């Protein structure tokens, strides 16, 4: 919007005051009169451009504001307040996030990264070391040993490196779980065969 108003050469009415009316007994030059009339026309054009760029809801709320400067200032105050509220929400969302067991750690890691992407959108800066350390602390209870091993590393870990470590660890856990489940099934099958064999032997003896 700022670029548009500058391009059509009406932004000046927001930063420059309206030329004053002449005093009661003061004669005004034609140039001064034209300057004030031009300012009034440009103020109306500027106000119209701002209103035209609004949603219907915002238009209904602000269409009665008389001057472009007043309209601009009210919108600026509104969005500064909203932006501050949004920033507080994003900061809280990151630091309050806790990973849980029963869900993919990588899925939760990517959710955290999406929160961090919004930091950039709001021009918030957070040291990468703090980010990585916080995410490590957020790992679920079943990852306690892995969490401790990461925290005791001597060298710092980058965010992308942390993602790689988490993905490898999760893949290994899935593989171990699959092997464990396969072994359990084999044990169950062996027990079933033994049970059936004993049953057949007993039935044969009874005959």
C-alpha atoms as a PDB file:
ATOM      1  CA  UNK A   1       0.000   0.000   0.000  1.00  0.00           C
ATOM      2  CA  UNK A   2       2.819   2.414   0.850  1.00  0.00           C
ATOM      3  CA  UNK A   3       4.368   1.811  -2.579  1.00  0.00           C
ATOM      4  CA  UNK A   4       1.048   2.489  -4.332  1.00  0.00           C
ATOM      5  CA  UNK A   5       0.461   5.749  -2.464  1.00  0.00           C
ATOM      6  CA  UNK A   6       3.981   6.924  -3.238  1.00  0.00           C
ATOM      7  CA  UNK A   7       3.582   5.943  -6.901  1.00  0.00           C
ATOM      8  CA  UNK A   8       0.381   7.971  -7.340  1.00  0.00           C
ATOM      9  CA  UNK A   9       2.047  10.829  -5.433  1.00  0.00           C
ATOM     10  CA  UNK A  10      -0.467  11.157  -2.594  1.00  0.00           C
ATOM     11  CA  UNK A  11       1.487   9.655   0.315  1.00  0.00           C
ATOM     12  CA  UNK A  12       2.670  13.130   1.293  1.00  0.00           C
ATOM     13  CA  UNK A  13      -0.761  13.940   2.840  1.00  0.00           C
ATOM     14  CA  UNK A  14      -0.028  11.306   5.519  1.00  0.00           C
ATOM     15  CA  UNK A  15       3.273  12.872   6.562  1.00  0.00           C
ATOM     16  CA  UNK A  16       2.672  16.562   5.766  1.00  0.00           C
ATOM     17  CA  UNK A  17      -0.022  18.595   7.543  1.00  0.00           C
ATOM     18  CA  UNK A  18      -2.803  20.316   5.605  1.00  0.00           C
ATOM     19  CA  UNK A  19      -1.874  23.863   4.535  1.00  0.00           C
ATOM     20  CA  UNK A  20      -3.522  26.258   7.015  1.00  0.00           C
ATOM     21  CA  UNK A  21      -6.538  28.411   6.242  1.00  0.00           C
ATOM     22  CA  UNK A  22      -5.810  32.135   5.952  1.00  0.00           C
ATOM     23  CA  UNK A  23      -6.406  34.341   8.978  1.00  0.00           C
ATOM     24  CA  UNK A  24      -9.564  36.425   9.313  1.00  0.00           C
ATOM     25  CA  UNK A  25      -8.043  39.583   7.856  1.00  0.00           C
ATOM     26  CA  UNK A  26      -5.343  37.871   5.834  1.00  0.00           C
ATOM     27  CA  UNK A  27      -5.327  37.822   2.070  1.00  0.00           C
ATOM     28  CA  UNK A  28      -4.266  34.528   0.567  1.00  0.00           C
ATOM     29  CA  UNK A  29      -2.399  34.114  -2.678  1.00  0.00           C
ATOM     30  CA  UNK A  30      -3.836  32.043  -5.480  1.00  0.00           C
ATOM     31  CA  UNK A  31      -0.894  29.653  -5.143  1.00  0.00           C
ATOM     32  CA  UNK A  32      -1.673  29.024  -1.453  1.00  0.00           C
ATOM     33  CA  UNK A  33      -5.335  28.411  -2.230  1.00  0.00           C
ATOM     34  CA  UNK A  34      -4.456  25.971  -4.999  1.00  0.00           C
ATOM     35  CA  UNK A  35      -1.980  24.206  -2.711  1.00  0.00           C
ATOM     36  CA  UNK A  36      -4.643  23.658  -0.060  1.00  0.00           C
ATOM     37  CA  UNK A  37      -7.258  22.525  -2.605  1.00  0.00           C
ATOM     38  CA  UNK A  38      -4.759  20.108  -4.127  1.00  0.00           C
ATOM     39  CA  UNK A  39      -3.942  18.749  -0.673  1.00  0.00           C
ATOM     40  CA  UNK A  40      -7.678  18.185   0.021  1.00  0.00           C
ATOM     41  CA  UNK A  41      -8.126  16.375  -3.300  1.00  0.00           C
ATOM     42  CA  UNK A  42      -5.040  14.218  -2.755  1.00  0.00           C
ATOM     43  CA  UNK A  43      -6.143  13.439   0.796  1.00  0.00           C
ATOM     44  CA  UNK A  44      -9.447  12.126  -0.536  1.00  0.00           C
ATOM     45  CA  UNK A  45      -7.659  10.086  -3.223  1.00  0.00           C
ATOM     46  CA  UNK A  46      -5.217   8.671  -0.654  1.00  0.00           C
ATOM     47  CA  UNK A  47      -8.035   7.799   1.755  1.00  0.00           C
ATOM     48  CA  UNK A  48      -9.934   6.128  -1.109  1.00  0.00           C
ATOM     49  CA  UNK A  49      -6.953   3.962  -2.078  1.00  0.00           C
ATOM     50  CA  UNK A  50      -6.503   2.812   1.534  1.00  0.00           C
ATOM     51  CA  UNK A  51     -10.199   1.969   1.922  1.00  0.00           C
ATOM     52  CA  UNK A  52     -10.248   0.227  -1.457  1.00  0.00           C
ATOM     53  CA  UNK A  53      -7.516  -2.158  -0.290  1.00  0.00           C
ATOM     54  CA  UNK A  54      -9.485  -3.277   2.778  1.00  0.00           C
ATOM     55  CA  UNK A  55     -11.634  -6.322   3.363  1.00  0.00           C
ATOM     56  CA  UNK A  56     -15.365  -5.688   3.801  1.00  0.00           C
ATOM     57  CA  UNK A  57     -15.054  -6.101   7.568  1.00  0.00           C
ATOM     58  CA  UNK A  58     -12.281  -3.518   7.857  1.00  0.00           C
ATOM     59  CA  UNK A  59     -14.064  -1.156   5.459  1.00  0.00           C
ATOM     60  CA  UNK A  60     -17.188  -1.210   7.633  1.00  0.00           C
ATOM     61  CA  UNK A  61     -15.060  -0.383  10.675  1.00  0.00           C
ATOM     62  CA  UNK A  62     -12.992   2.441   9.157  1.00  0.00           C
ATOM     63  CA  UNK A  63     -14.944   4.082   6.304  1.00  0.00           C
ATOM     64  CA  UNK A  64     -16.111   6.944   8.546  1.00  0.00           C
ATOM     65  CA  UNK A  65     -12.549   8.093   9.362  1.00  0.00           C
ATOM     66  CA  UNK A  66     -12.229  11.550   7.829  1.00  0.00           C
ATOM     67  CA  UNK A  67      -8.600  11.914   6.725  1.00  0.00           C
ATOM     68  CA  UNK A  68      -5.981   9.657   5.179  1.00  0.00           C
ATOM     69  CA  UNK A  69      -3.493  10.396   7.971  1.00  0.00           C
ATOM     70  CA  UNK A  70      -5.958   9.496  10.716  1.00  0.00           C
ATOM     71  CA  UNK A  71      -6.988   6.344   8.830  1.00  0.00           C
ATOM     72  CA  UNK A  72      -3.345   5.328   8.294  1.00  0.00           C
ATOM     73  CA  UNK A  73      -2.464   5.885  11.962  1.00  0.00           C
ATOM     74  CA  UNK A  74      -5.448   3.876  13.228  1.00  0.00           C
ATOM     75  CA  UNK A  75      -4.578   0.946  10.966  1.00  0.00           C
ATOM     76  CA  UNK A  76      -0.932   1.131  11.975  1.00  0.00           C
ATOM     77  CA  UNK A  77      -1.841   0.980  15.679  1.00  0.00           C
ATOM     78  CA  UNK A  78      -4.174  -1.939  15.022  1.00  0.00           C
ATOM     79  CA  UNK A  79      -1.596  -4.030  13.175  1.00  0.00           C
ATOM     80  CA  UNK A  80       1.213  -3.221  15.597  1.00  0.00           C
ATOM     81  CA  UNK A  81      -1.007  -4.558  18.412  1.00  0.00           C
ATOM     82  CA  UNK A  82      -2.021  -7.626  16.404  1.00  0.00           C
ATOM     83  CA  UNK A  83       1.576  -8.300  15.393  1.00  0.00           C
ATOM     84  CA  UNK A  84       2.772  -8.077  19.001  1.00  0.00           C
ATOM     85  CA  UNK A  85       0.012 -10.480  20.097  1.00  0.00           C
ATOM     86  CA  UNK A  86       0.879 -12.870  17.267  1.00  0.00           C
ATOM     87  CA  UNK A  87       4.576 -12.774  18.169  1.00  0.00           C
ATOM     88  CA  UNK A  88       3.843 -13.604  21.820  1.00  0.00           C
ATOM     89  CA  UNK A  89       1.644 -16.507  20.701  1.00  0.00           C
ATOM     90  CA  UNK A  90       4.349 -17.931  18.407  1.00  0.00           C
ATOM     91  CA  UNK A  91       7.065 -17.627  21.065  1.00  0.00           C
ATOM     92  CA  UNK A  92       4.852 -19.369  23.642  1.00  0.00           C
ATOM     93  CA  UNK A  93       3.873 -22.068  21.154  1.00  0.00           C
ATOM     94  CA  UNK A  94       7.511 -22.994  20.531  1.00  0.00           C
ATOM     95  CA  UNK A  95       8.645 -23.044  24.159  1.00  0.00           C
ATOM     96  CA  UNK A  96       5.478 -24.822  25.395  1.00  0.00           C
ATOM     97  CA  UNK A  97       5.638 -27.559  22.736  1.00  0.00           C
ATOM     98  CA  UNK A  98       6.348 -31.027  24.141  1.00  0.00           C
ATOM     99  CA  UNK A  99       6.824 -34.173  22.095  1.00  0.00           C
ATOM    100  CA  UNK A 100       4.830 -37.223  23.161  1.00  0.00           C
ATOM    101  CA  UNK A 101       5.222 -40.972  22.791  1.00  0.00           C
ATOM    102  CA  UNK A 102       2.897 -42.711  20.370  1.00  0.00           C
ATOM    103  CA  UNK A 103       3.540 -40.253  17.529  1.00  0.00           C
ATOM    104  CA  UNK A 104       6.355 -40.049  15.003  1.00  0.00           C
ATOM    105  CA  UNK A 105       9.173 -37.923  16.405  1.00  0.00           C
ATOM    106  CA  UNK A 106      10.009 -36.666  12.902  1.00  0.00           C
ATOM    107  CA  UNK A 107       6.404 -35.627  12.412  1.00  0.00           C
ATOM    108  CA  UNK A 108       6.571 -33.628  15.640  1.00  0.00           C
ATOM    109  CA  UNK A 109       9.996 -32.227  14.699  1.00  0.00           C
ATOM    110  CA  UNK A 110       8.523 -30.925  11.431  1.00  0.00           C
ATOM    111  CA  UNK A 111       5.668 -29.306  13.368  1.00  0.00           C
ATOM    112  CA  UNK A 112       8.242 -27.444  15.453  1.00  0.00           C
ATOM    113  CA  UNK A 113      10.066 -26.365  12.294  1.00  0.00           C
ATOM    114  CA  UNK A 114       6.820 -24.936  10.910  1.00  0.00           C
ATOM    115  CA  UNK A 115       6.495 -22.857  14.095  1.00  0.00           C
ATOM    116  CA  UNK A 116      10.064 -21.638  13.608  1.00  0.00           C
ATOM    117  CA  UNK A 117       9.230 -20.674  10.009  1.00  0.00           C
ATOM    118  CA  UNK A 118       6.672 -18.257  11.432  1.00  0.00           C
ATOM    119  CA  UNK A 119       9.449 -16.707  13.521  1.00  0.00           C
ATOM    120  CA  UNK A 120      11.090 -15.650  10.261  1.00  0.00           C
ATOM    121  CA  UNK A 121       7.810 -14.271   8.917  1.00  0.00           C
ATOM    122  CA  UNK A 122       7.574 -12.004  11.974  1.00  0.00           C
ATOM    123  CA  UNK A 123      11.287 -11.134  11.804  1.00  0.00           C
ATOM    124  CA  UNK A 124      11.960 -12.834  15.132  1.00  0.00           C
ATOM    125  CA  UNK A 125      15.478 -14.127  15.690  1.00  0.00           C
ATOM    126  CA  UNK A 126      16.311 -17.077  17.933  1.00  0.00           C
ATOM    127  CA  UNK A 127      19.844 -18.422  18.321  1.00  0.00           C
ATOM    128  CA  UNK A 128      20.208 -21.811  16.613  1.00  0.00           C
ATOM    129  CA  UNK A 129      21.986 -23.301  19.639  1.00  0.00           C
ATOM    130  CA  UNK A 130      18.998 -22.381  21.839  1.00  0.00           C
ATOM    131  CA  UNK A 131      16.582 -23.799  19.261  1.00  0.00           C
ATOM    132  CA  UNK A 132      18.440 -27.125  18.992  1.00  0.00           C
ATOM    133  CA  UNK A 133      18.888 -27.455  22.763  1.00  0.00           C
ATOM    134  CA  UNK A 134      15.191 -26.725  23.334  1.00  0.00           C
ATOM    135  CA  UNK A 135      14.104 -29.320  20.775  1.00  0.00           C
ATOM    136  CA  UNK A 136      16.378 -31.950  22.350  1.00  0.00           C
ATOM    137  CA  UNK A 137      14.742 -31.215  25.715  1.00  0.00           C
ATOM    138  CA  UNK A 138      11.317 -31.698  24.091  1.00  0.00           C
ATOM    139  CA  UNK A 139      12.011 -35.305  23.022  1.00  0.00           C
ATOM    140  CA  UNK A 140       9.469 -37.791  24.466  1.00  0.00           C
ATOM    141  CA  UNK A 141      10.137 -39.860  27.622  1.00  0.00           C
ATOM    142  CA  UNK A 142      11.002 -43.037  25.692  1.00  0.00           C
ATOM    143  CA  UNK A 143      13.862 -41.139  24.040  1.00  0.00           C
ATOM    144  CA  UNK A 144      15.505 -40.267  27.357  1.00  0.00           C
ATOM    145  CA  UNK A 145      18.788 -42.108  26.692  1.00  0.00           C
ATOM    146  CA  UNK A 146      19.083 -40.697  23.191  1.00  0.00           C
ATOM    147  CA  UNK A 147      18.294 -37.221  24.525  1.00  0.00           C
ATOM    148  CA  UNK A 148      21.063 -37.514  27.103  1.00  0.00           C
ATOM    149  CA  UNK A 149      23.555 -38.714  24.480  1.00  0.00           C
ATOM    150  CA  UNK A 150      22.820 -35.634  22.349  1.00  0.00           C
ATOM    151  CA  UNK A 151      23.131 -33.281  25.312  1.00  0.00           C
ATOM    152  CA  UNK A 152      26.561 -34.661  26.199  1.00  0.00           C
ATOM    153  CA  UNK A 153      28.063 -34.225  22.743  1.00  0.00           C
ATOM    154  CA  UNK A 154      31.054 -31.887  22.795  1.00  0.00           C
ATOM    155  CA  UNK A 155      30.381 -30.251  19.429  1.00  0.00           C
ATOM    156  CA  UNK A 156      27.324 -28.110  18.689  1.00  0.00           C
ATOM    157  CA  UNK A 157      24.624 -29.559  16.442  1.00  0.00           C
ATOM    158  CA  UNK A 158      22.922 -27.618  13.672  1.00  0.00           C
ATOM    159  CA  UNK A 159      19.152 -27.822  13.275  1.00  0.00           C
ATOM    160  CA  UNK A 160      19.382 -29.788  10.014  1.00  0.00           C
ATOM    161  CA  UNK A 161      21.900 -32.174  11.614  1.00  0.00           C
ATOM    162  CA  UNK A 162      19.529 -32.727  14.523  1.00  0.00           C
ATOM    163  CA  UNK A 163      16.789 -33.636  12.048  1.00  0.00           C
ATOM    164  CA  UNK A 164      19.108 -36.191  10.423  1.00  0.00           C
ATOM    165  CA  UNK A 165      20.007 -37.736  13.818  1.00  0.00           C
ATOM    166  CA  UNK A 166      16.333 -37.972  14.781  1.00  0.00           C
ATOM    167  CA  UNK A 167      15.341 -39.567  11.475  1.00  0.00           C
ATOM    168  CA  UNK A 168      18.110 -42.193  11.695  1.00  0.00           C
ATOM    169  CA  UNK A 169      17.239 -42.989  15.313  1.00  0.00           C
ATOM    170  CA  UNK A 170      13.546 -43.291  14.531  1.00  0.00           C
ATOM    171  CA  UNK A 171      14.250 -45.593  11.559  1.00  0.00           C
ATOM    172  CA  UNK A 172      16.451 -47.799  13.778  1.00  0.00           C
ATOM    173  CA  UNK A 173      13.726 -47.965  16.419  1.00  0.00           C
ATOM    174  CA  UNK A 174      11.157 -48.953  13.810  1.00  0.00           C
ATOM    175  CA  UNK A 175      13.487 -51.670  12.515  1.00  0.00           C
ATOM    176  CA  UNK A 176      14.135 -53.014  16.027  1.00  0.00           C
ATOM    177  CA  UNK A 177      10.428 -52.965  16.801  1.00  0.00           C
ATOM    178  CA  UNK A 178       9.681 -54.852  13.585  1.00  0.00           C
ATOM    179  CA  UNK A 179      12.321 -57.483  14.423  1.00  0.00           C
ATOM    180  CA  UNK A 180      11.033 -57.773  17.972  1.00  0.00           C
ATOM    181  CA  UNK A 181       7.461 -58.223  16.782  1.00  0.00           C
ATOM    182  CA  UNK A 182       8.626 -60.830  14.250  1.00  0.00           C
ATOM    183  CA  UNK A 183      10.527 -62.725  16.965  1.00  0.00           C
ATOM    184  CA  UNK A 184       7.505 -62.618  19.253  1.00  0.00           C
ATOM    185  CA  UNK A 185       5.307 -64.034  16.499  1.00  0.00           C
ATOM    186  CA  UNK A 186       7.787 -66.864  15.886  1.00  0.00           C
ATOM    187  CA  UNK A 187       7.829 -67.666  19.604  1.00  0.00           C
ATOM    188  CA  UNK A 188       4.044 -67.726  19.663  1.00  0.00           C
ATOM    189  CA  UNK A 189       3.979 -70.025  16.621  1.00  0.00           C
ATOM    190  CA  UNK A 190       6.510 -72.382  18.249  1.00  0.00           C
ATOM    191  CA  UNK A 191       4.447 -72.497  21.434  1.00  0.00           C
ATOM    192  CA  UNK A 192       1.291 -73.176  19.441  1.00  0.00           C
ATOM    193  CA  UNK A 193       2.963 -76.031  17.571  1.00  0.00           C
ATOM    194  CA  UNK A 194       4.233 -77.524  20.835  1.00  0.00           C
ATOM    195  CA  UNK A 195       0.794 -77.216  22.386  1.00  0.00           C
ATOM    196  CA  UNK A 196      -0.876 -78.825  19.373  1.00  0.00           C
ATOM    197  CA  UNK A 197       1.719 -81.631  19.342  1.00  0.00           C
ATOM    198  CA  UNK A 198       1.159 -82.338  23.028  1.00  0.00           C
ATOM    199  CA  UNK A 199      -2.577 -82.352  22.416  1.00  0.00           C
ATOM    200  CA  UNK A 200      -2.234 -84.829  19.544  1.00  0.00           C
ATOM    201  CA  UNK A 201       0.038 -87.069  21.624  1.00  0.00           C
ATOM    202  CA  UNK A 202      -2.456 -87.093  24.474  1.00  0.00           C
ATOM    203  CA  UNK A 203      -5.321 -87.851  22.134  1.00  0.00           C
ATOM    204  CA  UNK A 204      -3.298 -90.697  20.571  1.00  0.00           C
ATOM    205  CA  UNK A 205      -2.487 -92.151  23.984  1.00  0.00           C
ATOM    206  CA  UNK A 206      -6.124 -92.033  25.052  1.00  0.00           C
ATOM    207  CA  UNK A 207      -7.137 -93.947  21.965  1.00  0.00           C
END
